[in-house]
C-alpha atoms as a PDB file:
ATOM      1  CA  MET A   1     -22.372   5.713  28.350  1.00  0.00           C
ATOM      2  CA  ALA A   2     -21.685   3.845  25.119  1.00  0.00           C
ATOM      3  CA  THR A   3     -23.329   0.493  24.503  1.00  0.00           C
ATOM      4  CA  ALA A   4     -22.902  -2.107  21.783  1.00  0.00           C
ATOM      5  CA  GLN A   5     -25.614  -0.493  19.639  1.00  0.00           C
ATOM      6  CA  GLN A   6     -24.841   3.161  20.358  1.00  0.00           C
ATOM      7  CA  PRO A   7     -21.520   4.666  19.162  1.00  0.00           C
ATOM      8  CA  ALA A   8     -19.394   6.639  21.603  1.00  0.00           C
ATOM      9  CA  GLU A   9     -19.800  10.418  21.849  1.00  0.00           C
ATOM     10  CA  GLY A  10     -16.088  10.860  21.316  1.00  0.00           C
ATOM     11  CA  VAL A  11     -12.718  10.133  22.869  1.00  0.00           C
ATOM     12  CA  VAL A  12     -12.050  11.664  26.265  1.00  0.00           C
ATOM     13  CA  ILE A  13      -8.483  12.839  26.854  1.00  0.00           C
ATOM     14  CA  PRO A  14      -8.238  12.921  30.672  1.00  0.00           C
ATOM     15  CA  GLY A  15      -7.579  16.368  32.080  1.00  0.00           C
ATOM     16  CA  ALA A  16      -7.613  18.035  28.668  1.00  0.00           C
ATOM     17  CA  PHE A  17     -10.632  17.801  26.335  1.00  0.00           C
ATOM     18  CA  THR A  18     -12.923  15.439  24.433  1.00  0.00           C
ATOM     19  CA  ILE A  19     -12.512  14.709  20.735  1.00  0.00           C
ATOM     20  CA  PRO A  20     -16.015  14.693  19.216  1.00  0.00           C
ATOM     21  CA  ALA A  21     -17.007  11.587  17.266  1.00  0.00           C
ATOM     22  CA  VAL A  22     -17.511  13.644  14.079  1.00  0.00           C
ATOM     23  CA  GLU A  23     -13.747  14.400  13.947  1.00  0.00           C
ATOM     24  CA  LEU A  24     -12.789  10.731  14.055  1.00  0.00           C
ATOM     25  CA  GLY A  25     -12.359   8.738  10.849  1.00  0.00           C
ATOM     26  CA  TRP A  26     -13.011   4.998  10.873  1.00  0.00           C
ATOM     27  CA  LYS A  27     -12.035   2.357   8.308  1.00  0.00           C
ATOM     28  CA  PHE A  28     -12.752  -1.332   8.645  1.00  0.00           C
ATOM     29  CA  SER A  29     -11.116  -4.263   6.927  1.00  0.00           C
ATOM     30  CA  ARG A  30     -10.529  -7.964   7.337  1.00  0.00           C
ATOM     31  CA  SER A  31      -8.186  -8.838  10.130  1.00  0.00           C
ATOM     32  CA  SER A  32      -5.474 -11.464  10.124  1.00  0.00           C
ATOM     33  CA  GLY A  33      -5.794 -11.835  13.880  1.00  0.00           C
ATOM     34  CA  PRO A  34      -8.010 -14.089  16.017  1.00  0.00           C
ATOM     35  CA  GLY A  35     -11.488 -15.026  14.880  1.00  0.00           C
ATOM     36  CA  GLY A  36     -11.422 -18.546  13.477  1.00  0.00           C
ATOM     37  CA  GLN A  37     -13.418 -19.017  10.287  1.00  0.00           C
ATOM     38  CA  GLY A  38     -15.207 -15.717  10.912  1.00  0.00           C
ATOM     39  CA  VAL A  39     -11.984 -13.811  10.270  1.00  0.00           C
ATOM     40  CA  ASN A  40     -12.475 -14.382   6.531  1.00  0.00           C
ATOM     41  CA  THR A  41     -15.965 -12.883   6.474  1.00  0.00           C
ATOM     42  CA  THR A  42     -16.034 -10.025   8.995  1.00  0.00           C
ATOM     43  CA  ASP A  43     -14.351  -6.644   8.876  1.00  0.00           C
ATOM     44  CA  SER A  44     -13.031  -6.671  12.433  1.00  0.00           C
ATOM     45  CA  ARG A  45      -9.782  -4.735  11.857  1.00  0.00           C
ATOM     46  CA  VAL A  46     -10.204  -1.063  12.758  1.00  0.00           C
ATOM     47  CA  GLN A  47      -8.208   1.935  11.591  1.00  0.00           C
ATOM     48  CA  LEU A  48      -8.849   5.157  13.508  1.00  0.00           C
ATOM     49  CA  THR A  49      -7.673   8.494  12.092  1.00  0.00           C
ATOM     50  CA  TRP A  50      -7.771  11.948  13.673  1.00  0.00           C
ATOM     51  CA  ASP A  51      -6.483  15.146  12.086  1.00  0.00           C
ATOM     52  CA  LEU A  52      -4.442  16.632  14.918  1.00  0.00           C
ATOM     53  CA  ALA A  53      -3.007  19.504  12.893  1.00  0.00           C
ATOM     54  CA  HIS A  54      -6.383  20.907  11.817  1.00  0.00           C
ATOM     55  CA  SER A  55      -8.704  19.957  14.679  1.00  0.00           C
ATOM     56  CA  PRO A  56     -10.638  22.882  16.183  1.00  0.00           C
ATOM     57  CA  THR A  57     -11.117  20.910  19.415  1.00  0.00           C
ATOM     58  CA  ILE A  58      -7.551  21.032  20.709  1.00  0.00           C
ATOM     59  CA  PRO A  59      -6.236  24.356  22.091  1.00  0.00           C
ATOM     60  CA  ALA A  60      -3.389  25.926  20.082  1.00  0.00           C
ATOM     61  CA  HIS A  61      -0.686  25.564  22.758  1.00  0.00           C
ATOM     62  CA  LEU A  62      -1.525  21.885  23.270  1.00  0.00           C
ATOM     63  CA  ARG A  63      -1.635  21.314  19.501  1.00  0.00           C
ATOM     64  CA  GLN A  64       1.906  22.670  19.127  1.00  0.00           C
ATOM     65  CA  ARG A  65       3.166  20.469  21.978  1.00  0.00           C
ATOM     66  CA  ALA A  66       1.495  17.365  20.529  1.00  0.00           C
ATOM     67  CA  LEU A  67       2.740  18.065  16.984  1.00  0.00           C
ATOM     68  CA  ALA A  68       6.291  18.458  18.292  1.00  0.00           C
ATOM     69  CA  ARG A  69       6.194  15.249  20.349  1.00  0.00           C
ATOM     70  CA  LEU A  70       4.308  13.082  17.830  1.00  0.00           C
ATOM     71  CA  GLY A  71       5.994  14.385  14.686  1.00  0.00           C
ATOM     72  CA  ALA A  72       7.430  11.005  13.650  1.00  0.00           C
ATOM     73  CA  ARG A  73       4.069   9.261  14.147  1.00  0.00           C
ATOM     74  CA  LEU A  74       1.973  11.686  12.118  1.00  0.00           C
ATOM     75  CA  VAL A  75       1.012  11.309   8.456  1.00  0.00           C
ATOM     76  CA  ASP A  76       0.342  14.830   7.125  1.00  0.00           C
ATOM     77  CA  GLY A  77      -0.700  15.968  10.605  1.00  0.00           C
ATOM     78  CA  THR A  78      -3.011  12.983  11.106  1.00  0.00           C
ATOM     79  CA  ILE A  79      -2.736  10.289  13.771  1.00  0.00           C
ATOM     80  CA  VAL A  80      -3.443   6.777  12.477  1.00  0.00           C
ATOM     81  CA  ILE A  81      -4.112   3.957  14.944  1.00  0.00           C
ATOM     82  CA  THR A  82      -4.840   0.354  13.957  1.00  0.00           C
ATOM     83  CA  ALA A  83      -6.401  -2.302  16.197  1.00  0.00           C
ATOM     84  CA  SER A  84      -6.986  -5.934  15.277  1.00  0.00           C
ATOM     85  CA  GLU A  85      -6.241  -7.905  18.426  1.00  0.00           C
ATOM     86  CA  HIS A  86      -9.870  -8.689  19.279  1.00  0.00           C
ATOM     87  CA  ARG A  87     -12.385 -10.859  17.458  1.00  0.00           C
ATOM     88  CA  SER A  88     -15.101  -8.219  17.312  1.00  0.00           C
ATOM     89  CA  GLN A  89     -15.089  -4.889  15.550  1.00  0.00           C
ATOM     90  CA  TRP A  90     -16.664  -3.223  18.571  1.00  0.00           C
ATOM     91  CA  GLN A  91     -13.850  -4.326  20.894  1.00  0.00           C
ATOM     92  CA  ASN A  92     -11.247  -3.194  18.358  1.00  0.00           C
ATOM     93  CA  ARG A  93     -12.957   0.214  18.154  1.00  0.00           C
ATOM     94  CA  ARG A  94     -12.740   0.568  21.939  1.00  0.00           C
ATOM     95  CA  ALA A  95      -9.079  -0.536  21.869  1.00  0.00           C
ATOM     96  CA  ALA A  96      -8.238   2.045  19.181  1.00  0.00           C
ATOM     97  CA  GLU A  97     -10.008   4.818  21.117  1.00  0.00           C
ATOM     98  CA  GLN A  98      -8.144   3.858  24.285  1.00  0.00           C
ATOM     99  CA  ARG A  99      -4.803   3.899  22.430  1.00  0.00           C
ATOM    100  CA  LEU A 100      -5.564   7.337  21.013  1.00  0.00           C
ATOM    101  CA  ALA A 101      -6.431   8.648  24.489  1.00  0.00           C
ATOM    102  CA  ASN A 102      -3.223   7.180  25.982  1.00  0.00           C
ATOM    103  CA  LEU A 103      -1.065   8.493  23.140  1.00  0.00           C
ATOM    104  CA  LEU A 104      -2.469  12.019  23.379  1.00  0.00           C
ATOM    105  CA  GLY A 105      -2.389  11.985  27.176  1.00  0.00           C
ATOM    106  CA  ALA A 106       1.339  11.261  27.101  1.00  0.00           C
ATOM    107  CA  ALA A 107       2.003  13.779  24.303  1.00  0.00           C
ATOM    108  CA  LEU A 108       0.092  16.578  26.051  1.00  0.00           C
ATOM    109  CA  ALA A 109       1.667  16.073  29.475  1.00  0.00           C
ATOM    110  CA  PRO A 110       3.602  19.130  30.630  1.00  0.00           C
ATOM    111  CA  PRO A 111       7.352  18.901  30.170  1.00  0.00           C
ATOM    112  CA  PRO A 112       9.285  17.686  33.226  1.00  0.00           C
ATOM    113  CA  ARG A 113      10.973  20.284  35.405  1.00  0.00           C
ATOM    114  CA  THR A 114      14.563  20.962  34.462  1.00  0.00           C
ATOM    115  CA  ARG A 115      17.162  19.556  36.823  1.00  0.00           C
ATOM    116  CA  ARG A 116      19.170  22.109  38.753  1.00  0.00           C
ATOM    117  CA  PRO A 117      22.695  20.813  39.257  1.00  0.00           C
ATOM    118  CA  THR A 118      23.745  20.891  42.901  1.00  0.00           C
ATOM    119  CA  LYS A 119      27.028  20.504  44.776  1.00  0.00           C
ATOM    120  CA  PRO A 120      27.585  18.335  47.841  1.00  0.00           C
ATOM    121  CA  SER A 121      27.630  20.321  51.074  1.00  0.00           C
ATOM    122  CA  ARG A 122      30.831  20.859  53.044  1.00  0.00           C
ATOM    123  CA  GLY A 123      29.607  18.437  55.725  1.00  0.00           C
ATOM    124  CA  ALA A 124      28.853  15.750  53.130  1.00  0.00           C
ATOM    125  CA  LYS A 125      32.352  16.098  51.691  1.00  0.00           C
ATOM    126  CA  GLN A 126      33.879  15.859  55.157  1.00  0.00           C
ATOM    127  CA  ARG A 127      31.821  12.775  56.081  1.00  0.00           C
ATOM    128  CA  ARG A 128      32.848  11.096  52.824  1.00  0.00           C
ATOM    129  CA  LEU A 129      36.558  11.771  53.448  1.00  0.00           C
ATOM    130  CA  GLU A 130      36.302  10.576  57.065  1.00  0.00           C
ATOM    131  CA  ALA A 131      34.613   7.344  55.927  1.00  0.00           C
ATOM    132  CA  LYS A 132      37.372   6.804  53.348  1.00  0.00           C
ATOM    133  CA  ALA A 133      40.035   7.352  56.015  1.00  0.00           C
ATOM    134  CA  ARG A 134      38.311   4.893  58.394  1.00  0.00           C
ATOM    135  CA  ARG A 135      38.066   2.268  55.680  1.00  0.00           C
ATOM    136  CA  GLY A 136      41.715   2.760  54.682  1.00  0.00           C
ATOM    137  CA  SER A 137      42.797   2.484  58.314  1.00  0.00           C
ATOM    138  CA  THR A 138      40.830  -0.777  58.729  1.00  0.00           C
ATOM    139  CA  LYS A 139      42.492  -2.245  55.650  1.00  0.00           C
ATOM    140  CA  ARG A 140      45.934  -1.028  56.725  1.00  0.00           C
ATOM    141  CA  LEU A 141      45.530  -2.736  60.129  1.00  0.00           C
ATOM    142  CA  ARG A 142      44.673  -6.045  58.421  1.00  0.00           C
ATOM    143  CA  LYS A 143      47.872  -5.998  56.376  1.00  0.00           C
ATOM    144  CA  VAL A 144      50.399  -8.687  57.268  1.00  0.00           C
ATOM    145  CA  THR A 145      53.937  -7.309  57.613  1.00  0.00           C
ATOM    146  CA  ARG A 146      57.364  -8.999  57.966  1.00  0.00           C
ATOM    147  CA  ASP A 147      57.370  -8.191  61.651  1.00  0.00           C
ATOM    148  CA  ASP A 148      54.137 -10.171  62.080  1.00  0.00           C
ATOM    149  CA  LEU A 149      55.633 -13.228  60.408  1.00  0.00           C
ATOM    150  CA  GLY A 150      58.231 -13.354  62.990  1.00  0.00           C
END
């Protein structure tokens, strides 16, 4: 369990693996977000980097899937996540870790099953045609003719 004084052991990707803290790169800078006067003196903005392409932690088949799905987001095979919405650096670190876990969780999810096209059954076709005939008959019976005008 991570506390305010103790850094996290890494980022847990649910159902897959844990990225050790030594593989994560952190940079801190001044944030333009909330913080009042303290925003000018504290480095609360967090930039988290993780080298997806060269990480020994991620299995090869998952690495290929993630590289294919996150290709546009990567900078030389590295994921870069920035967080500055909170006033404290610690909260921004947690937010960046959570974003990394969510991003990788979505990228590593197995592909959806392919849709098998199906045809309507003979009974379904017949029921549809019978319903159309009933509706047409109802409308035809409502029609006012010259004989009705009288």
